[in-house]
Amino acid sequence: MIALGLIWYVAFLFSTTLHESAHAWTAMRLGDPTAYHGGQVTLNPLPHLRREPFGLILVPLVTYVLSGWMMGWASAPYDPLWAARHPKRAAWMSLAGPGANLALVLIAGLAIRVGMWMEVFTPPDSITFSRVVEPLAVGGPAGAVATLLSILFTLNLILFAFNLLPLPPLDGSTALPLVIGDRAAERYLKFVRQPAFQMVGLLLAWRIFNPIFSPIHTLALNLLYPGLGYH
């Protein structure tokens, strides 16, 4: 359990750091250097750990002990005045985080397929969050690599899907300004950024996520292993 937890934590810390770095880098490129000056445009996890020790250390450990997989959070600072002036830029900044997680899903999936082509990996009889692929040979480094790729695939699929829910304070809630006018976007963002509404949105997201994620997970597995009929 401890060894598996270490692999989970490495995957979680890297995935979350990449997510927040993508937010910070996109904001910098679109005119808001706040996160850049805060040291968040980096894959070094230390600035992110210093900013959110509770969400990046305590919560992942507690959720792993209670459920066998990790969840937590981090954050990158931004200038709310910049976001109010440029709601569409702020929307792209928000979507950059889930986009980074989707990229990791695709990279992990490609690595799994390459390992199968090289006859190192094979599909498992049953899928768990920590076991999307398994080594053909028992023992050796292939087992650890298979576990790491499995966790990267599953965890980043969760982070991608969860953060795209259109509920505040999740990233998906700020995507609407991409398809509405600037004045309407400004009013909408003021509404969804109210603290009370964000708390309600987060609680609702946790309630509805499991039935939403289950078909997404099944679809991803069947795209990874076409013809095997996982369900």
C-alpha atoms as a PDB file:
ATOM      1  CA  MET A   1       0.000   0.000   0.000  1.00  0.00           C
ATOM      2  CA  ILE A   2       2.851   2.388   0.824  1.00  0.00           C
ATOM      3  CA  ALA A   3       4.693   1.624  -2.423  1.00  0.00           C
ATOM      4  CA  LEU A   4       1.533   2.123  -4.452  1.00  0.00           C
ATOM      5  CA  GLY A   5       0.832   5.323  -2.518  1.00  0.00           C
ATOM      6  CA  LEU A   6       4.246   6.699  -3.462  1.00  0.00           C
ATOM      7  CA  ILE A   7       3.547   6.069  -7.150  1.00  0.00           C
ATOM      8  CA  TRP A   8       0.137   7.691  -6.775  1.00  0.00           C
ATOM      9  CA  TYR A   9       1.658  10.737  -5.118  1.00  0.00           C
ATOM     10  CA  VAL A  10       4.333  11.176  -7.789  1.00  0.00           C
ATOM     11  CA  ALA A  11       1.655  10.984 -10.501  1.00  0.00           C
ATOM     12  CA  PHE A  12      -0.687  13.299  -8.588  1.00  0.00           C
ATOM     13  CA  LEU A  13       1.965  15.925  -7.840  1.00  0.00           C
ATOM     14  CA  PHE A  14       3.242  15.964 -11.434  1.00  0.00           C
ATOM     15  CA  SER A  15      -0.269  16.086 -12.937  1.00  0.00           C
ATOM     16  CA  THR A  16      -1.451  18.869 -10.636  1.00  0.00           C
ATOM     17  CA  THR A  17       1.747  20.871 -11.137  1.00  0.00           C
ATOM     18  CA  LEU A  18       1.369  20.613 -14.912  1.00  0.00           C
ATOM     19  CA  HIS A  19      -2.296  21.658 -14.642  1.00  0.00           C
ATOM     20  CA  GLU A  20      -1.476  24.812 -12.667  1.00  0.00           C
ATOM     21  CA  SER A  21       1.604  25.598 -14.749  1.00  0.00           C
ATOM     22  CA  ALA A  22      -0.589  25.478 -17.860  1.00  0.00           C
ATOM     23  CA  HIS A  23      -2.945  28.017 -16.266  1.00  0.00           C
ATOM     24  CA  ALA A  24      -0.030  30.250 -15.296  1.00  0.00           C
ATOM     25  CA  TRP A  25       1.783  30.019 -18.648  1.00  0.00           C
ATOM     26  CA  THR A  26      -1.389  30.721 -20.632  1.00  0.00           C
ATOM     27  CA  ALA A  27      -2.239  33.726 -18.469  1.00  0.00           C
ATOM     28  CA  MET A  28       1.281  35.076 -18.937  1.00  0.00           C
ATOM     29  CA  ARG A  29       1.052  34.666 -22.708  1.00  0.00           C
ATOM     30  CA  LEU A  30      -2.336  36.410 -22.750  1.00  0.00           C
ATOM     31  CA  GLY A  31      -1.254  39.420 -20.721  1.00  0.00           C
ATOM     32  CA  ASP A  32      -1.500  38.552 -17.014  1.00  0.00           C
ATOM     33  CA  PRO A  33       1.958  37.993 -15.436  1.00  0.00           C
ATOM     34  CA  THR A  34       0.599  37.515 -11.889  1.00  0.00           C
ATOM     35  CA  ALA A  35       1.278  33.775 -11.701  1.00  0.00           C
ATOM     36  CA  TYR A  36       4.608  34.213 -13.484  1.00  0.00           C
ATOM     37  CA  HIS A  37       5.756  36.661 -10.816  1.00  0.00           C
ATOM     38  CA  GLY A  38       4.468  34.220  -8.185  1.00  0.00           C
ATOM     39  CA  GLY A  39       6.734  31.480  -9.569  1.00  0.00           C
ATOM     40  CA  GLN A  40       3.916  29.268 -10.886  1.00  0.00           C
ATOM     41  CA  VAL A  41       5.152  29.053 -14.505  1.00  0.00           C
ATOM     42  CA  THR A  42       7.272  26.024 -13.670  1.00  0.00           C
ATOM     43  CA  LEU A  43       7.139  22.241 -13.448  1.00  0.00           C
ATOM     44  CA  ASN A  44       9.036  22.458 -10.166  1.00  0.00           C
ATOM     45  CA  PRO A  45       6.378  21.423  -7.616  1.00  0.00           C
ATOM     46  CA  LEU A  46       7.872  23.419  -4.727  1.00  0.00           C
ATOM     47  CA  PRO A  47       6.229  26.807  -5.534  1.00  0.00           C
ATOM     48  CA  HIS A  48       2.889  25.021  -5.915  1.00  0.00           C
ATOM     49  CA  LEU A  49       3.398  23.114  -2.658  1.00  0.00           C
ATOM     50  CA  ARG A  50       4.214  26.323  -0.804  1.00  0.00           C
ATOM     51  CA  ARG A  51       1.058  27.961  -2.159  1.00  0.00           C
ATOM     52  CA  GLU A  52      -1.322  25.048  -1.421  1.00  0.00           C
ATOM     53  CA  PRO A  53       0.204  22.660   1.163  1.00  0.00           C
ATOM     54  CA  PHE A  54      -3.236  21.542   2.374  1.00  0.00           C
ATOM     55  CA  GLY A  55      -4.535  20.603  -1.077  1.00  0.00           C
ATOM     56  CA  LEU A  56      -1.256  19.110  -2.316  1.00  0.00           C
ATOM     57  CA  ILE A  57      -0.094  17.205   0.769  1.00  0.00           C
ATOM     58  CA  LEU A  58      -2.747  16.523   3.409  1.00  0.00           C
ATOM     59  CA  VAL A  59      -5.842  15.982   1.238  1.00  0.00           C
ATOM     60  CA  PRO A  60      -4.155  13.554  -1.222  1.00  0.00           C
ATOM     61  CA  LEU A  61      -2.827  11.432   1.647  1.00  0.00           C
ATOM     62  CA  VAL A  62      -6.192  11.346   3.411  1.00  0.00           C
ATOM     63  CA  THR A  63      -8.130  10.492   0.248  1.00  0.00           C
ATOM     64  CA  TYR A  64      -5.656   7.707  -0.566  1.00  0.00           C
ATOM     65  CA  VAL A  65      -6.033   6.135   2.867  1.00  0.00           C
ATOM     66  CA  LEU A  66      -9.832   6.383   2.698  1.00  0.00           C
ATOM     67  CA  SER A  67     -10.441   5.433  -0.941  1.00  0.00           C
ATOM     68  CA  GLY A  68      -7.260   3.958  -2.439  1.00  0.00           C
ATOM     69  CA  TRP A  69      -6.756   6.836  -4.906  1.00  0.00           C
ATOM     70  CA  MET A  70      -5.743  10.468  -4.550  1.00  0.00           C
ATOM     71  CA  MET A  71      -7.502  13.761  -5.070  1.00  0.00           C
ATOM     72  CA  GLY A  72      -6.572  17.276  -4.042  1.00  0.00           C
ATOM     73  CA  TRP A  73      -6.031  20.700  -5.515  1.00  0.00           C
ATOM     74  CA  ALA A  74      -3.629  23.532  -6.206  1.00  0.00           C
ATOM     75  CA  SER A  75      -4.085  27.050  -7.541  1.00  0.00           C
ATOM     76  CA  ALA A  76      -2.354  29.690  -9.605  1.00  0.00           C
ATOM     77  CA  PRO A  77      -2.917  33.391  -8.835  1.00  0.00           C
ATOM     78  CA  TYR A  78      -4.371  35.707 -11.467  1.00  0.00           C
ATOM     79  CA  ASP A  79      -5.391  39.341 -11.707  1.00  0.00           C
ATOM     80  CA  PRO A  80      -9.218  39.568 -11.386  1.00  0.00           C
ATOM     81  CA  LEU A  81      -9.195  42.985 -13.061  1.00  0.00           C
ATOM     82  CA  TRP A  82      -7.423  41.467 -16.080  1.00  0.00           C
ATOM     83  CA  ALA A  83      -9.981  38.634 -16.129  1.00  0.00           C
ATOM     84  CA  ALA A  84     -12.855  41.135 -15.965  1.00  0.00           C
ATOM     85  CA  ARG A  85     -11.419  43.196 -18.832  1.00  0.00           C
ATOM     86  CA  HIS A  86     -10.635  40.133 -20.954  1.00  0.00           C
ATOM     87  CA  PRO A  87     -13.193  37.386 -20.159  1.00  0.00           C
ATOM     88  CA  LYS A  88     -12.349  35.383 -23.285  1.00  0.00           C
ATOM     89  CA  ARG A  89      -8.641  35.374 -22.428  1.00  0.00           C
ATOM     90  CA  ALA A  90      -9.541  34.311 -18.893  1.00  0.00           C
ATOM     91  CA  ALA A  91     -11.614  31.473 -20.381  1.00  0.00           C
ATOM     92  CA  TRP A  92      -8.650  30.182 -22.370  1.00  0.00           C
ATOM     93  CA  MET A  93      -6.504  30.436 -19.236  1.00  0.00           C
ATOM     94  CA  SER A  94      -9.034  28.290 -17.356  1.00  0.00           C
ATOM     95  CA  LEU A  95      -9.265  25.672 -20.107  1.00  0.00           C
ATOM     96  CA  ALA A  96      -5.471  25.331 -20.319  1.00  0.00           C
ATOM     97  CA  GLY A  97      -5.382  23.299 -17.090  1.00  0.00           C
ATOM     98  CA  PRO A  98      -7.791  20.549 -18.186  1.00  0.00           C
ATOM     99  CA  GLY A  99      -6.111  20.656 -21.602  1.00  0.00           C
ATOM    100  CA  ALA A 100      -2.796  19.749 -19.949  1.00  0.00           C
ATOM    101  CA  ASN A 101      -4.473  16.819 -18.182  1.00  0.00           C
ATOM    102  CA  LEU A 102      -5.977  15.591 -21.449  1.00  0.00           C
ATOM    103  CA  ALA A 103      -2.501  15.729 -23.004  1.00  0.00           C
ATOM    104  CA  LEU A 104      -1.199  13.477 -20.195  1.00  0.00           C
ATOM    105  CA  VAL A 105      -4.061  11.015 -20.795  1.00  0.00           C
ATOM    106  CA  LEU A 106      -3.089  10.809 -24.469  1.00  0.00           C
ATOM    107  CA  ILE A 107       0.627  10.467 -23.679  1.00  0.00           C
ATOM    108  CA  ALA A 108      -0.013   7.704 -21.120  1.00  0.00           C
ATOM    109  CA  GLY A 109      -2.331   5.926 -23.557  1.00  0.00           C
ATOM    110  CA  LEU A 110       0.260   6.137 -26.343  1.00  0.00           C
ATOM    111  CA  ALA A 111       2.960   4.779 -24.004  1.00  0.00           C
ATOM    112  CA  ILE A 112       0.666   1.880 -23.081  1.00  0.00           C
ATOM    113  CA  ARG A 113       0.037   1.049 -26.742  1.00  0.00           C
ATOM    114  CA  VAL A 114       3.772   1.231 -27.524  1.00  0.00           C
ATOM    115  CA  GLY A 115       4.473  -1.111 -24.599  1.00  0.00           C
ATOM    116  CA  MET A 116       1.903  -3.569 -25.957  1.00  0.00           C
ATOM    117  CA  TRP A 117       3.423  -3.344 -29.445  1.00  0.00           C
ATOM    118  CA  MET A 118       6.825  -4.129 -27.872  1.00  0.00           C
ATOM    119  CA  GLU A 119       5.213  -7.070 -26.017  1.00  0.00           C
ATOM    120  CA  VAL A 120       6.018  -5.574 -22.617  1.00  0.00           C
ATOM    121  CA  PHE A 121       2.428  -4.833 -21.530  1.00  0.00           C
ATOM    122  CA  THR A 122      -0.912  -6.586 -21.843  1.00  0.00           C
ATOM    123  CA  PRO A 123      -4.509  -5.539 -21.048  1.00  0.00           C
ATOM    124  CA  PRO A 124      -5.625  -6.734 -17.590  1.00  0.00           C
ATOM    125  CA  ASP A 125      -8.620  -9.004 -17.047  1.00  0.00           C
ATOM    126  CA  SER A 126     -10.261  -6.300 -14.932  1.00  0.00           C
ATOM    127  CA  ILE A 127      -9.633  -2.572 -14.740  1.00  0.00           C
ATOM    128  CA  THR A 128      -9.007  -0.550 -11.584  1.00  0.00           C
ATOM    129  CA  PHE A 129      -7.795   3.034 -11.224  1.00  0.00           C
ATOM    130  CA  SER A 130      -4.287   1.690 -10.522  1.00  0.00           C
ATOM    131  CA  ARG A 131      -4.396  -1.140 -13.065  1.00  0.00           C
ATOM    132  CA  VAL A 132      -5.216  -0.066 -16.605  1.00  0.00           C
ATOM    133  CA  VAL A 133      -2.349  -2.137 -18.033  1.00  0.00           C
ATOM    134  CA  GLU A 134      -0.106  -4.840 -16.593  1.00  0.00           C
ATOM    135  CA  PRO A 135       3.302  -6.292 -17.519  1.00  0.00           C
ATOM    136  CA  LEU A 136       3.571  -9.529 -19.441  1.00  0.00           C
ATOM    137  CA  ALA A 137       6.445 -10.689 -17.215  1.00  0.00           C
ATOM    138  CA  VAL A 138       6.063 -10.751 -13.446  1.00  0.00           C
ATOM    139  CA  GLY A 139       8.615  -8.674 -11.555  1.00  0.00           C
ATOM    140  CA  GLY A 140      11.142  -6.184 -12.839  1.00  0.00           C
ATOM    141  CA  PRO A 141      10.726  -2.482 -13.632  1.00  0.00           C
ATOM    142  CA  ALA A 142       7.922  -3.086 -16.166  1.00  0.00           C
ATOM    143  CA  GLY A 143       5.463  -3.595 -13.305  1.00  0.00           C
ATOM    144  CA  ALA A 144       6.240  -0.214 -11.753  1.00  0.00           C
ATOM    145  CA  VAL A 145       6.078   1.498 -15.150  1.00  0.00           C
ATOM    146  CA  ALA A 146       2.724  -0.160 -15.897  1.00  0.00           C
ATOM    147  CA  THR A 147       1.345   1.052 -12.558  1.00  0.00           C
ATOM    148  CA  LEU A 148       2.610   4.591 -13.122  1.00  0.00           C
ATOM    149  CA  LEU A 149       1.115   4.737 -16.634  1.00  0.00           C
ATOM    150  CA  SER A 150      -2.172   3.316 -15.337  1.00  0.00           C
ATOM    151  CA  ILE A 151      -2.400   5.984 -12.641  1.00  0.00           C
ATOM    152  CA  LEU A 152      -1.407   8.789 -15.014  1.00  0.00           C
ATOM    153  CA  PHE A 153      -4.086   7.667 -17.463  1.00  0.00           C
ATOM    154  CA  THR A 154      -6.856   7.397 -14.857  1.00  0.00           C
ATOM    155  CA  LEU A 155      -5.950  10.359 -12.667  1.00  0.00           C
ATOM    156  CA  ASN A 156      -5.631  12.803 -15.549  1.00  0.00           C
ATOM    157  CA  LEU A 157      -8.883  11.576 -17.066  1.00  0.00           C
ATOM    158  CA  ILE A 158     -10.532  12.351 -13.703  1.00  0.00           C
ATOM    159  CA  LEU A 159      -8.878  15.784 -13.476  1.00  0.00           C
ATOM    160  CA  PHE A 160      -9.827  16.582 -17.072  1.00  0.00           C
ATOM    161  CA  ALA A 161     -13.478  15.559 -16.709  1.00  0.00           C
ATOM    162  CA  PHE A 162     -14.019  16.992 -13.225  1.00  0.00           C
ATOM    163  CA  ASN A 163     -12.510  20.379 -13.969  1.00  0.00           C
ATOM    164  CA  LEU A 164     -14.594  20.740 -17.132  1.00  0.00           C
ATOM    165  CA  LEU A 165     -17.878  20.529 -15.224  1.00  0.00           C
ATOM    166  CA  PRO A 166     -19.616  23.894 -15.828  1.00  0.00           C
ATOM    167  CA  LEU A 167     -19.941  24.622 -12.117  1.00  0.00           C
ATOM    168  CA  PRO A 168     -17.976  27.222 -10.134  1.00  0.00           C
ATOM    169  CA  PRO A 169     -15.235  27.239  -9.002  1.00  0.00           C
ATOM    170  CA  LEU A 170     -14.215  24.593 -11.568  1.00  0.00           C
ATOM    171  CA  ASP A 171     -12.457  25.581 -14.781  1.00  0.00           C
ATOM    172  CA  GLY A 172     -15.426  24.648 -16.963  1.00  0.00           C
ATOM    173  CA  SER A 173     -17.539  27.361 -15.379  1.00  0.00           C
ATOM    174  CA  THR A 174     -15.421  30.080 -17.005  1.00  0.00           C
ATOM    175  CA  ALA A 175     -15.578  28.638 -20.536  1.00  0.00           C
ATOM    176  CA  LEU A 176     -18.981  30.202 -21.301  1.00  0.00           C
ATOM    177  CA  PRO A 177     -17.514  33.665 -22.138  1.00  0.00           C
ATOM    178  CA  LEU A 178     -16.026  32.105 -25.270  1.00  0.00           C
ATOM    179  CA  VAL A 179     -19.501  31.908 -26.801  1.00  0.00           C
ATOM    180  CA  ILE A 180     -21.291  34.950 -25.339  1.00  0.00           C
ATOM    181  CA  GLY A 181     -20.761  38.703 -25.562  1.00  0.00           C
ATOM    182  CA  ASP A 182     -18.302  40.582 -23.346  1.00  0.00           C
ATOM    183  CA  ARG A 183     -20.953  42.407 -21.292  1.00  0.00           C
ATOM    184  CA  ALA A 184     -22.897  39.224 -20.649  1.00  0.00           C
ATOM    185  CA  ALA A 185     -19.628  37.458 -19.821  1.00  0.00           C
ATOM    186  CA  GLU A 186     -18.726  40.145 -17.285  1.00  0.00           C
ATOM    187  CA  ARG A 187     -22.084  39.787 -15.503  1.00  0.00           C
ATOM    188  CA  TYR A 188     -21.877  36.001 -15.631  1.00  0.00           C
ATOM    189  CA  LEU A 189     -18.365  35.912 -14.129  1.00  0.00           C
ATOM    190  CA  LYS A 190     -19.362  38.266 -11.301  1.00  0.00           C
ATOM    191  CA  PHE A 191     -22.220  35.905 -10.506  1.00  0.00           C
ATOM    192  CA  VAL A 192     -20.279  32.620 -10.536  1.00  0.00           C
ATOM    193  CA  ARG A 193     -17.362  34.025  -8.518  1.00  0.00           C
ATOM    194  CA  GLN A 194     -19.486  34.705  -5.460  1.00  0.00           C
ATOM    195  CA  PRO A 195     -18.062  32.567  -2.592  1.00  0.00           C
ATOM    196  CA  ALA A 196     -21.426  31.103  -1.559  1.00  0.00           C
ATOM    197  CA  PHE A 197     -22.249  30.076  -5.127  1.00  0.00           C
ATOM    198  CA  GLN A 198     -18.811  28.506  -5.516  1.00  0.00           C
ATOM    199  CA  MET A 199     -19.338  26.355  -2.413  1.00  0.00           C
ATOM    200  CA  VAL A 200     -22.710  25.165  -3.715  1.00  0.00           C
ATOM    201  CA  GLY A 201     -21.153  24.456  -7.116  1.00  0.00           C
ATOM    202  CA  LEU A 202     -18.339  22.388  -5.616  1.00  0.00           C
ATOM    203  CA  LEU A 203     -20.710  20.308  -3.486  1.00  0.00           C
ATOM    204  CA  LEU A 204     -22.971  19.712  -6.496  1.00  0.00           C
ATOM    205  CA  ALA A 205     -19.965  18.713  -8.630  1.00  0.00           C
ATOM    206  CA  TRP A 206     -18.978  16.018  -6.132  1.00  0.00           C
ATOM    207  CA  ARG A 207     -22.542  14.693  -6.098  1.00  0.00           C
ATOM    208  CA  ILE A 208     -22.954  14.378  -9.857  1.00  0.00           C
ATOM    209  CA  PHE A 209     -19.418  13.462 -10.912  1.00  0.00           C
ATOM    210  CA  ASN A 210     -19.497   9.693 -10.418  1.00  0.00           C
ATOM    211  CA  PRO A 211     -22.398   8.951 -12.811  1.00  0.00           C
ATOM    212  CA  ILE A 212     -20.886  11.391 -15.306  1.00  0.00           C
ATOM    213  CA  PHE A 213     -17.367   9.969 -15.105  1.00  0.00           C
ATOM    214  CA  SER A 214     -18.316   6.293 -15.385  1.00  0.00           C
ATOM    215  CA  PRO A 215     -19.295   6.400 -19.106  1.00  0.00           C
ATOM    216  CA  ILE A 216     -16.327   8.698 -19.859  1.00  0.00           C
ATOM    217  CA  HIS A 217     -13.984   6.175 -18.221  1.00  0.00           C
ATOM    218  CA  THR A 218     -15.563   3.285 -20.126  1.00  0.00           C
ATOM    219  CA  LEU A 219     -15.296   5.163 -23.433  1.00  0.00           C
ATOM    220  CA  ALA A 220     -11.620   5.972 -22.782  1.00  0.00           C
ATOM    221  CA  LEU A 221     -10.830   2.337 -21.979  1.00  0.00           C
ATOM    222  CA  ASN A 222     -12.539   1.094 -25.133  1.00  0.00           C
ATOM    223  CA  LEU A 223     -10.659   3.669 -27.221  1.00  0.00           C
ATOM    224  CA  LEU A 224      -7.449   2.441 -25.597  1.00  0.00           C
ATOM    225  CA  TYR A 225      -8.363  -1.216 -26.148  1.00  0.00           C
ATOM    226  CA  PRO A 226     -10.697  -1.333 -29.183  1.00  0.00           C
ATOM    227  CA  GLY A 227     -12.627  -4.571 -29.464  1.00  0.00           C
ATOM    228  CA  LEU A 228     -12.135  -5.764 -25.898  1.00  0.00           C
ATOM    229  CA  GLY A 229     -15.495  -4.478 -24.720  1.00  0.00           C
ATOM    230  CA  TYR A 230     -14.689  -3.168 -21.254  1.00  0.00           C
ATOM    231  CA  HIS A 231     -17.779  -2.012 -19.375  1.00  0.00           C
END
